[in-house]
Amino acid sequence: MKTTKGFNKISRKNKIFGLEFFDFLVLIVLYLIVFLFSKNLFANLAIVLGGYFFLRFYKKGKTQHWTASLVRFLITPRRYFPKKETDKEIFK
């Protein structure tokens, strides 16, 4: 039986602890913010671990780069500039 060699790593997402790189950066930012406000190590790690499990649950079934696209959508300004129309475009 002849088979074709497949390269599984090409079609897979790059993951760190089961999360994409951008999601891992979100966890690092959460870690830094939590440790700025509280010095309790166990409570802070519990919050970061809760954030990790939330991201794992949230990302289930989503497409690749979902979180990065969502953050980009929320951060970009919502300014729509009116297009200047010429008389030719108006009276067609």
Protein backbone atom coordinates (compact mmCIF):
# COMPACT_ATOMS: atom_id res chain seq x y z
CA MET A 1 0.00 0.00 0.00
CA LYS A 2 1.46 3.36 -1.02
CA THR A 3 1.09 6.32 1.28
CA THR A 4 1.97 9.96 1.04
CA LYS A 5 4.23 11.47 3.65
CA GLY A 6 2.39 14.16 5.59
CA PHE A 7 3.86 17.15 7.38
CA ASN A 8 1.60 17.70 10.37
CA LYS A 9 3.58 20.61 11.83
CA ILE A 10 2.86 22.78 8.79
CA SER A 11 -0.89 22.88 9.30
CA ARG A 12 -0.84 23.04 13.12
CA LYS A 13 -0.85 26.16 15.24
CA ASN A 14 2.29 27.02 17.19
CA LYS A 15 1.32 26.65 20.82
CA ILE A 16 2.83 27.34 24.24
CA PHE A 17 1.06 25.40 26.99
CA GLY A 18 -1.83 24.86 24.60
CA LEU A 19 -2.24 28.57 23.77
CA GLU A 20 -1.10 30.64 20.83
CA PHE A 21 1.76 33.10 21.31
CA PHE A 22 -0.54 36.14 21.54
CA ASP A 23 -2.66 34.40 24.18
CA PHE A 24 0.50 33.63 26.12
CA LEU A 25 1.37 37.36 25.96
CA VAL A 26 -2.08 38.15 27.36
CA LEU A 27 -1.30 35.83 30.30
CA ILE A 28 2.05 37.55 30.87
CA VAL A 29 0.36 40.97 30.94
CA LEU A 30 -2.25 39.60 33.37
CA TYR A 31 0.58 38.26 35.54
CA LEU A 32 2.32 41.66 35.59
CA ILE A 33 -0.90 43.55 36.38
CA VAL A 34 -1.88 41.17 39.18
CA PHE A 35 1.53 41.37 40.82
CA LEU A 36 1.46 45.17 40.72
CA PHE A 37 -1.62 45.27 42.96
CA SER A 38 -1.08 42.34 45.30
CA LYS A 39 1.91 40.67 46.92
CA ASN A 40 0.12 37.42 47.82
CA LEU A 41 1.82 34.80 45.65
CA PHE A 42 -0.83 32.08 45.94
CA ALA A 43 -3.76 34.38 45.20
CA ASN A 44 -1.93 35.90 42.23
CA LEU A 45 -1.04 32.51 40.79
CA ALA A 46 -4.64 31.39 41.28
CA ILE A 47 -5.84 34.42 39.29
CA VAL A 48 -3.31 33.77 36.51
CA LEU A 49 -4.21 30.07 36.45
CA GLY A 50 -7.89 31.04 36.24
CA GLY A 51 -7.03 33.31 33.31
CA TYR A 52 -5.17 30.44 31.65
CA PHE A 53 -8.13 28.07 31.95
CA PHE A 54 -10.49 30.82 30.79
CA LEU A 55 -8.39 31.35 27.65
CA ARG A 56 -8.22 27.60 27.01
CA PHE A 57 -12.01 27.35 27.34
CA TYR A 58 -12.57 30.51 25.29
CA LYS A 59 -10.28 29.38 22.44
CA LYS A 60 -11.91 25.97 22.03
CA GLY A 61 -13.31 25.74 18.50
CA LYS A 62 -12.07 29.19 17.47
CA THR A 63 -9.96 29.81 14.39
CA GLN A 64 -6.28 30.57 14.41
CA HIS A 65 -5.34 34.09 15.66
CA TRP A 66 -8.85 34.73 17.02
CA THR A 67 -7.73 36.66 20.10
CA ALA A 68 -5.30 38.86 18.17
CA SER A 69 -8.04 39.72 15.66
CA LEU A 70 -10.49 40.53 18.46
CA VAL A 71 -8.02 42.80 20.27
CA ARG A 72 -7.11 44.53 17.02
CA PHE A 73 -10.81 45.10 16.30
CA LEU A 74 -11.42 46.57 19.76
CA ILE A 75 -8.35 48.83 19.75
CA THR A 76 -8.58 50.34 16.26
CA PRO A 77 -10.29 53.73 16.14
CA ARG A 78 -13.77 53.97 14.68
CA ARG A 79 -13.33 57.01 12.47
CA TYR A 80 -14.91 56.90 9.08
CA PHE A 81 -13.98 59.81 6.91
CA PRO A 82 -16.59 60.99 4.43
CA LYS A 83 -15.61 60.56 0.84
CA LYS A 84 -15.58 63.70 -1.26
CA GLU A 85 -17.82 63.14 -4.20
CA THR A 86 -17.49 64.93 -7.46
CA ASP A 87 -20.45 66.22 -9.46
CA LYS A 88 -19.96 63.42 -11.96
CA GLU A 89 -20.43 60.77 -9.27
CA ILE A 90 -23.52 62.44 -7.81
CA PHE A 91 -25.43 63.03 -11.03
CA LYS A 92 -24.86 59.72 -12.84
